[in-house]
Amino acid sequence: MPARSLPNGSGFGSGLAGMILPGRRQFRNPLGPSEAEVRANVAGEASADAALALHEAGTETEEPQVPLDLTAAAFFDVDNTMVQGASIIHFARGLAARKYLKSADLLDFAWKQIKFRVTGKESSVDVASGREKALSFVAGRSTAELARLGEEIYDEVIADKIWAGTRALAQMHLDAGQQVWLVTATPVELAQVIAKRLGLTGALGTVAESEDGVFTGRLVGDILHGLGKAHAVRALAVREGLNLKRCTAYSDSHNDVPMLSLVGTAVAINPDTDLRELAKNRGWEIRDFRTGRKAAKIGVPTALLLGAAGGALAAVVARRREHAV
């Protein structure tokens, strides 16, 4: 991994952390941003930088297969949107099997996921504590080691848990020449593995601070969650020259409303109760691949009606029929 891909102690990482931690007393103006909002912004900026660095490091020079649509992109949440269940739990299972995590930590992750499954809602406290634990184990380990473990665990556990319908939607954007990014609270190195395996452009994820290629066990800013995802998408759009009105975002969670509201087309995938209600009220598209009606719900998202290749829809329908057999 190139030196610029993640923050280090002498530059980017320590500088951003310094903006937040030592300066807590500066947030006295009730009309100004809260500390949580500033941390979310820092997390988003760091995520965009790390995502582009990882993307550039893995990009091979080759002629594009389809004409590029340079100002449009698609942003996909991961947990319960692209991947069945929580990606961090899947990774935790693999890490526990390799003795990187204790069984108690794995059970804690699982319990939080059960609560989410039952209530249909994510607790921001659960998300933060879960990701903090998931990141704490990497302290003192190399960034390259985490990426290698991520590849192994993806092949063993996650590959079979990709929602075929969501994957097909992502492919439609790729076929239209658009960038496709994952946006997740999962550590960016692990999110990048998922994106790479799926042939996507890259991933925006939580950035863990590192020094000389070794994790410190601290975060840059905060967990990439809720408002942080919106900041990351906006920051990436600025860097890549994207027109957010021409972009599409997909998620299952009401917590991702800031990201969904940022783009021209929002699509609720396997939505929780609150997001489903909000999507209906706002006229957002809804796709649910958890039911027997999923094949009938596949269609071209609004943002792709003019740009998708003619055969894209047929390919999606064919894939869904194969999945339903």
Foldseek 3Di string as FASTA:
>chain_A
DDPQLAAADPDDQVVLVVVQDVPQVVPPDPPDDHSLLSLLLQQLLRLLRNFVVVLVVPDDDDDQPADAPQAEEEEEEPALTFFDHDVLLLLVVLCVVVVLDDPVLSVLLVVQRVVCVVQVAHDPVSLQVNQLVSLQSQAFPFLVVVLVSLLVSCVVGTVVGTQLLSLLLNVQCVQLNHAYEYEYLHEQSNRQSVCVVSVGSGYRYWGFYHHPRGGNSHTRSGRCWQSSSLSNVVSNCVVSVHDQLLYEYEEQHPSNVSNRVRHNAYEHEVHGPVVVVVCVVVVHHYAYSPDPCRLVSDDHGPSCPPRGDPCSSVVSSVSVVVVND
